[in-house]
């Protein structure tokens, strides 16, 4: 198994500082490691991006651990590594399936808040999203794109108290689009807001934090479970994964994450899926154990 990290952008021999701790544990566990240039990958210069990746003598599974990639960037990386006999653990289809919420929504629909979505045309015209908004009536909703929200700008660019209040909706969307800029992913997603068990308020942004958990799934098995947030007291609450047993085999991915949470009424729900290669490890994660488990999973 080969772990693919991004270099730090200044020295191609050093890992990006955000992944330095993961790199050290992967190295300790004697995993094969390569560094790529994220900057060159973004520019489409795949040969330059992979210039320090040593070709494998035989076919090898690769796991990318780095910044989120758009599909066009992912396929460049996937095909470039294939030429070096390193095949990323997820195909382009598998990457998109968990990375873009609308792609997997039909599979997790029974376990996640009601969701509507539509691709975004620029300039933005709220009239084109009227049907998607109307389906929520006057209920509160959450705004995001196909991948990310601006949850740390909770009141300004994420939470909409009343889906029928078009003035507020436009204001929140405008701020969201401003913050996302060129990083906007495909379109807009509106999600039913549901009450979850409260944890605390974020120490910097003030956004409400709830008792959420991030599960990593490798080849159909849960290999790790972490508190999603590094703040607040989770007390005795532990994740219930029983409700996922029949669902996990239906997820078209070899390595992915499931973020789950407990509603105030006691029901466990899925917040969203994610590709395991670009999903972050919380600070509370035991990274040593995580990489030992990845190595065993090869």
Protein backbone atom coordinates (compact mmCIF):
# COMPACT_ATOMS: atom_id res chain seq x y z
CA UNK A 1 0.00 0.00 0.00
CA UNK A 2 1.29 3.46 -0.94
CA UNK A 3 0.20 6.59 0.97
CA UNK A 4 0.23 9.72 -1.19
CA UNK A 5 0.70 13.02 0.67
CA UNK A 6 1.04 16.58 -0.64
CA UNK A 7 4.36 18.36 -0.24
CA UNK A 8 4.50 21.69 1.55
CA UNK A 9 4.69 23.80 -1.62
CA UNK A 10 8.13 25.19 -0.81
CA UNK A 11 10.22 22.05 -0.43
CA UNK A 12 9.16 19.03 -2.52
CA UNK A 13 10.93 16.74 -0.02
CA UNK A 14 8.79 17.87 2.93
CA UNK A 15 5.17 17.04 3.62
CA UNK A 16 2.45 19.68 3.95
CA UNK A 17 2.43 20.79 7.58
CA UNK A 18 -1.25 19.87 7.96
CA UNK A 19 -0.35 16.22 7.36
CA UNK A 20 3.00 16.12 9.15
CA UNK A 21 1.69 14.05 12.06
CA UNK A 22 -0.04 11.56 9.78
CA UNK A 23 3.13 11.31 7.68
CA UNK A 24 5.22 10.49 10.74
CA UNK A 25 2.94 7.65 11.83
CA UNK A 26 2.68 6.24 8.30
CA UNK A 27 6.49 6.31 8.19
CA UNK A 28 6.76 4.62 11.61
CA UNK A 29 4.50 1.83 10.40
CA UNK A 30 6.78 1.26 7.40
CA UNK A 31 4.13 2.17 4.86
CA UNK A 32 5.37 3.17 1.42
CA UNK A 33 5.02 6.97 1.08
CA UNK A 34 5.18 9.40 -1.84
CA UNK A 35 4.87 13.17 -2.00
CA UNK A 36 3.11 15.04 -4.81
CA UNK A 37 2.81 18.71 -5.65
CA UNK A 38 -0.74 19.87 -5.02
CA UNK A 39 0.02 23.18 -6.70
CA UNK A 40 1.16 21.51 -9.92
CA UNK A 41 -1.83 19.16 -9.80
CA UNK A 42 -4.20 22.13 -9.59
CA UNK A 43 -2.51 23.60 -12.66
CA UNK A 44 -2.99 20.35 -14.56
CA UNK A 45 0.76 19.66 -14.74
CA UNK A 46 0.51 16.01 -13.75
CA UNK A 47 4.05 15.03 -14.74
CA UNK A 48 5.46 17.79 -12.55
CA UNK A 49 3.00 16.96 -9.78
CA UNK A 50 4.19 13.33 -9.69
CA UNK A 51 7.86 13.88 -10.46
CA UNK A 52 8.93 12.54 -7.04
CA UNK A 53 6.64 9.48 -7.11
CA UNK A 54 8.74 6.38 -7.64
CA UNK A 55 7.13 3.84 -10.00
CA UNK A 56 6.15 0.55 -8.35
CA UNK A 57 7.74 -2.71 -9.47
CA UNK A 58 4.32 -4.36 -9.31
CA UNK A 59 0.73 -3.17 -9.06
CA UNK A 60 0.15 -1.35 -5.79
CA UNK A 61 -2.87 0.17 -4.04
CA UNK A 62 -2.57 3.88 -3.29
CA UNK A 63 -4.38 6.03 -0.76
CA UNK A 64 -4.25 9.78 -1.22
CA UNK A 65 -4.29 11.76 2.02
CA UNK A 66 -4.51 15.42 1.17
CA UNK A 67 -6.60 18.40 0.22
CA UNK A 68 -9.97 17.96 -1.45
CA UNK A 69 -9.82 17.48 -5.20
CA UNK A 70 -12.37 18.35 -7.84
CA UNK A 71 -13.21 15.42 -10.15
CA UNK A 72 -11.06 16.82 -12.97
CA UNK A 73 -8.08 16.92 -10.60
CA UNK A 74 -8.80 13.50 -9.15
CA UNK A 75 -8.87 11.76 -12.52
CA UNK A 76 -5.56 13.40 -13.44
CA UNK A 77 -4.03 12.05 -10.25
CA UNK A 78 -5.64 8.63 -10.69
CA UNK A 79 -4.45 8.16 -14.27
CA UNK A 80 -1.02 9.65 -13.57
CA UNK A 81 -0.42 7.21 -10.72
CA UNK A 82 -1.67 4.29 -12.81
CA UNK A 83 1.23 4.90 -15.18
CA UNK A 84 3.49 4.28 -12.19
CA UNK A 85 1.59 1.08 -11.29
CA UNK A 86 -0.08 2.72 -8.30
CA UNK A 87 -3.89 2.50 -8.37
CA UNK A 88 -5.81 4.75 -6.01
CA UNK A 89 -8.17 2.82 -3.77
CA UNK A 90 -11.22 4.58 -5.22
CA UNK A 91 -12.00 5.07 -8.90
CA UNK A 92 -13.27 8.44 -10.12
CA UNK A 93 -16.85 7.18 -9.86
CA UNK A 94 -16.28 5.93 -6.31
CA UNK A 95 -14.62 9.21 -5.33
CA UNK A 96 -17.51 11.32 -6.62
CA UNK A 97 -20.12 8.98 -5.12
CA UNK A 98 -19.14 9.84 -1.56
CA UNK A 99 -17.61 13.28 -2.18
CA UNK A 100 -20.74 14.81 -3.78
CA UNK A 101 -23.80 14.48 -1.54
CA UNK A 102 -26.31 14.42 -4.45
CA UNK A 103 -24.56 11.35 -5.89
CA UNK A 104 -25.20 9.18 -2.82
CA UNK A 105 -28.38 10.80 -1.50
CA UNK A 106 -30.65 8.14 -3.05
CA UNK A 107 -28.80 5.47 -1.04
CA UNK A 108 -28.79 7.25 2.35
CA UNK A 109 -32.14 9.03 1.92
CA UNK A 110 -33.91 7.01 4.62
CA UNK A 111 -31.20 7.77 7.16
CA UNK A 112 -30.48 11.46 6.56
CA UNK A 113 -32.36 14.79 6.67
CA UNK A 114 -34.53 15.67 3.68
CA UNK A 115 -32.36 17.21 0.96
CA UNK A 116 -32.90 19.03 -2.33
CA UNK A 117 -30.27 20.22 -4.77
CA UNK A 118 -29.67 21.73 -8.19
CA UNK A 119 -26.66 22.72 -10.26
CA UNK A 120 -25.73 26.38 -10.08
CA UNK A 121 -25.71 28.78 -12.98
CA UNK A 122 -23.82 32.06 -12.75
CA UNK A 123 -25.16 34.67 -12.23
CA UNK A 124 -27.29 33.18 -9.46
CA UNK A 125 -31.06 33.41 -9.91
CA UNK A 126 -33.12 32.37 -6.89
CA UNK A 127 -36.18 31.78 -9.08
CA UNK A 128 -34.50 28.69 -10.48
CA UNK A 129 -34.41 27.18 -6.98
CA UNK A 130 -38.00 27.98 -6.05
CA UNK A 131 -39.25 24.39 -6.28
CA UNK A 132 -36.37 23.11 -4.16
CA UNK A 133 -37.11 25.73 -1.47
CA UNK A 134 -40.89 25.32 -1.59
CA UNK A 135 -40.60 21.67 -0.62
CA UNK A 136 -39.54 22.78 2.88
CA UNK A 137 -42.43 25.20 3.44
CA UNK A 138 -41.48 27.53 6.28
CA UNK A 139 -39.17 25.05 8.02
CA UNK A 140 -35.55 25.88 8.88
CA UNK A 141 -32.88 24.62 6.48
CA UNK A 142 -29.11 24.37 6.06
CA UNK A 143 -27.26 25.57 2.95
CA UNK A 144 -24.15 24.00 1.40
CA UNK A 145 -22.75 23.13 -2.02
CA UNK A 146 -22.30 19.55 -3.22
CA UNK A 147 -19.34 19.11 -0.83
CA UNK A 148 -18.97 21.83 1.80
CA UNK A 149 -20.88 24.31 3.89
CA UNK A 150 -19.77 27.53 5.53
CA UNK A 151 -20.85 26.30 8.96
CA UNK A 152 -18.42 28.56 10.79
CA UNK A 153 -20.41 31.47 9.34
CA UNK A 154 -23.52 29.89 10.76
CA UNK A 155 -25.95 32.80 10.75
CA UNK A 156 -24.54 34.62 7.74
CA UNK A 157 -23.91 31.81 5.24
CA UNK A 158 -25.31 28.50 6.48
CA UNK A 159 -28.49 28.48 8.60
CA UNK A 160 -31.80 29.75 7.18
CA UNK A 161 -34.54 29.91 9.88
CA UNK A 162 -37.43 29.96 7.39
CA UNK A 163 -37.14 28.50 3.89
CA UNK A 164 -40.03 30.67 2.71
CA UNK A 165 -38.28 33.92 3.73
CA UNK A 166 -36.76 34.66 0.33
CA UNK A 167 -35.03 37.83 1.49
CA UNK A 168 -33.12 35.88 4.13
CA UNK A 169 -32.52 33.00 1.73
CA UNK A 170 -30.98 35.33 -0.86
CA UNK A 171 -28.85 37.02 1.78
CA UNK A 172 -27.45 33.73 3.09
CA UNK A 173 -26.83 32.36 -0.41
CA UNK A 174 -25.08 35.56 -1.48
CA UNK A 175 -22.71 35.40 1.50
CA UNK A 176 -22.15 31.70 0.94
CA UNK A 177 -21.22 32.22 -2.71
CA UNK A 178 -18.91 35.07 -1.75
CA UNK A 179 -17.08 32.88 0.77
CA UNK A 180 -16.88 29.85 -1.52
CA UNK A 181 -15.61 31.88 -4.46
CA UNK A 182 -13.97 29.70 -7.10
CA UNK A 183 -14.09 26.72 -4.74
CA UNK A 184 -17.85 26.31 -5.26
CA UNK A 185 -18.69 22.67 -5.98
CA UNK A 186 -21.27 22.13 -8.72
CA UNK A 187 -24.46 23.53 -7.19
CA UNK A 188 -26.54 24.38 -4.13
CA UNK A 189 -27.88 21.92 -1.58
CA UNK A 190 -30.72 22.66 0.85
CA UNK A 191 -31.11 20.36 3.85
CA UNK A 192 -33.77 20.05 6.50
CA UNK A 193 -32.51 21.36 9.83
CA UNK A 194 -33.01 18.77 12.59
CA UNK A 195 -32.38 19.12 16.31
CA UNK A 196 -29.37 17.09 17.43
CA UNK A 197 -27.98 16.48 20.91
CA UNK A 198 -26.15 19.65 21.86
CA UNK A 199 -22.44 19.62 22.64
CA UNK A 200 -21.33 23.26 23.01
CA UNK A 201 -20.74 26.38 20.93
CA UNK A 202 -17.57 26.68 18.89
CA UNK A 203 -14.98 28.72 20.79
CA UNK A 204 -14.13 30.89 17.76
CA UNK A 205 -17.10 31.06 15.42
CA UNK A 206 -19.85 30.52 18.01
CA UNK A 207 -21.65 28.01 15.79
CA UNK A 208 -23.63 25.35 17.68
CA UNK A 209 -21.76 22.04 17.96
CA UNK A 210 -23.60 18.75 18.30
CA UNK A 211 -22.54 15.26 19.28
CA UNK A 212 -21.37 13.98 15.92
CA UNK A 213 -19.00 11.15 15.07
CA UNK A 214 -16.83 10.35 12.06
CA UNK A 215 -16.49 6.71 11.03
CA UNK A 216 -13.90 5.45 8.54
CA UNK A 217 -14.92 2.46 6.43
CA UNK A 218 -12.30 0.36 4.61
CA UNK A 219 -13.45 -2.43 2.30
CA UNK A 220 -16.84 -2.58 4.01
CA UNK A 221 -15.58 -2.61 7.61
CA UNK A 222 -15.61 0.18 10.20
CA UNK A 223 -11.92 0.65 11.03
CA UNK A 224 -12.11 3.80 13.15
CA UNK A 225 -14.56 6.01 15.01
CA UNK A 226 -13.75 9.50 16.27
CA UNK A 227 -15.55 12.35 17.98
CA UNK A 228 -16.18 14.80 15.14
CA UNK A 229 -15.46 17.86 17.28
CA UNK A 230 -12.45 18.45 19.48
CA UNK A 231 -14.37 20.78 21.78
CA UNK A 232 -17.03 20.03 24.35
CA UNK A 233 -17.80 17.02 26.54
CA UNK A 234 -19.28 14.03 24.74
CA UNK A 235 -19.89 12.46 28.16
CA UNK A 236 -20.99 8.83 27.79
CA UNK A 237 -22.44 9.15 24.29
CA UNK A 238 -20.92 6.60 21.94
CA UNK A 239 -21.75 6.10 18.26
CA UNK A 240 -24.37 3.53 17.34
CA UNK A 241 -23.28 1.82 14.14
CA UNK A 242 -25.86 -0.96 14.17
CA UNK A 243 -28.20 0.98 11.89
CA UNK A 244 -25.43 1.16 9.27
CA UNK A 245 -24.82 -2.57 8.91
CA UNK A 246 -27.20 -3.09 6.00
CA UNK A 247 -26.36 0.27 4.44
CA UNK A 248 -22.56 0.06 4.28
CA UNK A 249 -22.48 -2.64 1.55
CA UNK A 250 -24.62 -0.36 -0.65
CA UNK A 251 -22.04 2.45 -0.56
CA UNK A 252 -20.07 2.30 -3.79
CA UNK A 253 -16.62 2.99 -2.38
CA UNK A 254 -13.67 1.05 -0.96
CA UNK A 255 -12.63 3.77 1.49
CA UNK A 256 -15.07 6.34 2.81
CA UNK A 257 -16.38 8.13 5.87
CA UNK A 258 -19.82 8.31 7.43
CA UNK A 259 -20.58 11.23 9.74
CA UNK A 260 -23.40 10.31 12.12
CA UNK A 261 -25.22 12.04 14.98
CA UNK A 262 -27.97 11.44 17.51
CA UNK A 263 -31.17 13.46 17.29
CA UNK A 264 -32.81 14.83 20.40
CA UNK A 265 -35.52 12.19 20.00
CA UNK A 266 -32.87 9.46 20.27
CA UNK A 267 -32.79 8.53 16.58
CA UNK A 268 -29.39 8.08 14.94
CA UNK A 269 -28.95 9.66 11.52
CA UNK A 270 -26.34 10.11 8.82
CA UNK A 271 -25.12 13.67 8.36
CA UNK A 272 -23.20 12.88 5.19
CA UNK A 273 -20.67 10.61 3.51
CA UNK A 274 -17.16 11.54 2.43
CA UNK A 275 -14.31 10.06 0.46
CA UNK A 276 -11.88 8.56 2.97
CA UNK A 277 -8.87 10.00 1.19
CA UNK A 278 -9.81 13.66 1.65
CA UNK A 279 -11.75 13.38 4.93
CA UNK A 280 -9.91 14.98 7.83
CA UNK A 281 -8.84 13.20 10.98
CA UNK A 282 -9.99 15.13 14.07
CA UNK A 283 -7.27 16.25 16.47
CA UNK A 284 -8.58 13.69 18.97
CA UNK A 285 -7.93 10.82 16.54
CA UNK A 286 -5.32 8.22 17.45
CA UNK A 287 -3.36 8.56 14.21
CA UNK A 288 -0.92 5.83 15.16
CA UNK A 289 -3.69 3.25 15.47
CA UNK A 290 -5.35 4.60 12.32
CA UNK A 291 -2.29 3.97 10.15
CA UNK A 292 -1.60 0.59 11.71
CA UNK A 293 -5.16 -0.38 10.78
CA UNK A 294 -4.72 0.93 7.22
CA UNK A 295 -1.59 -1.19 6.88
CA UNK A 296 -3.42 -4.33 8.06
CA UNK A 297 -6.22 -3.54 5.64
CA UNK A 298 -4.00 -3.75 2.57
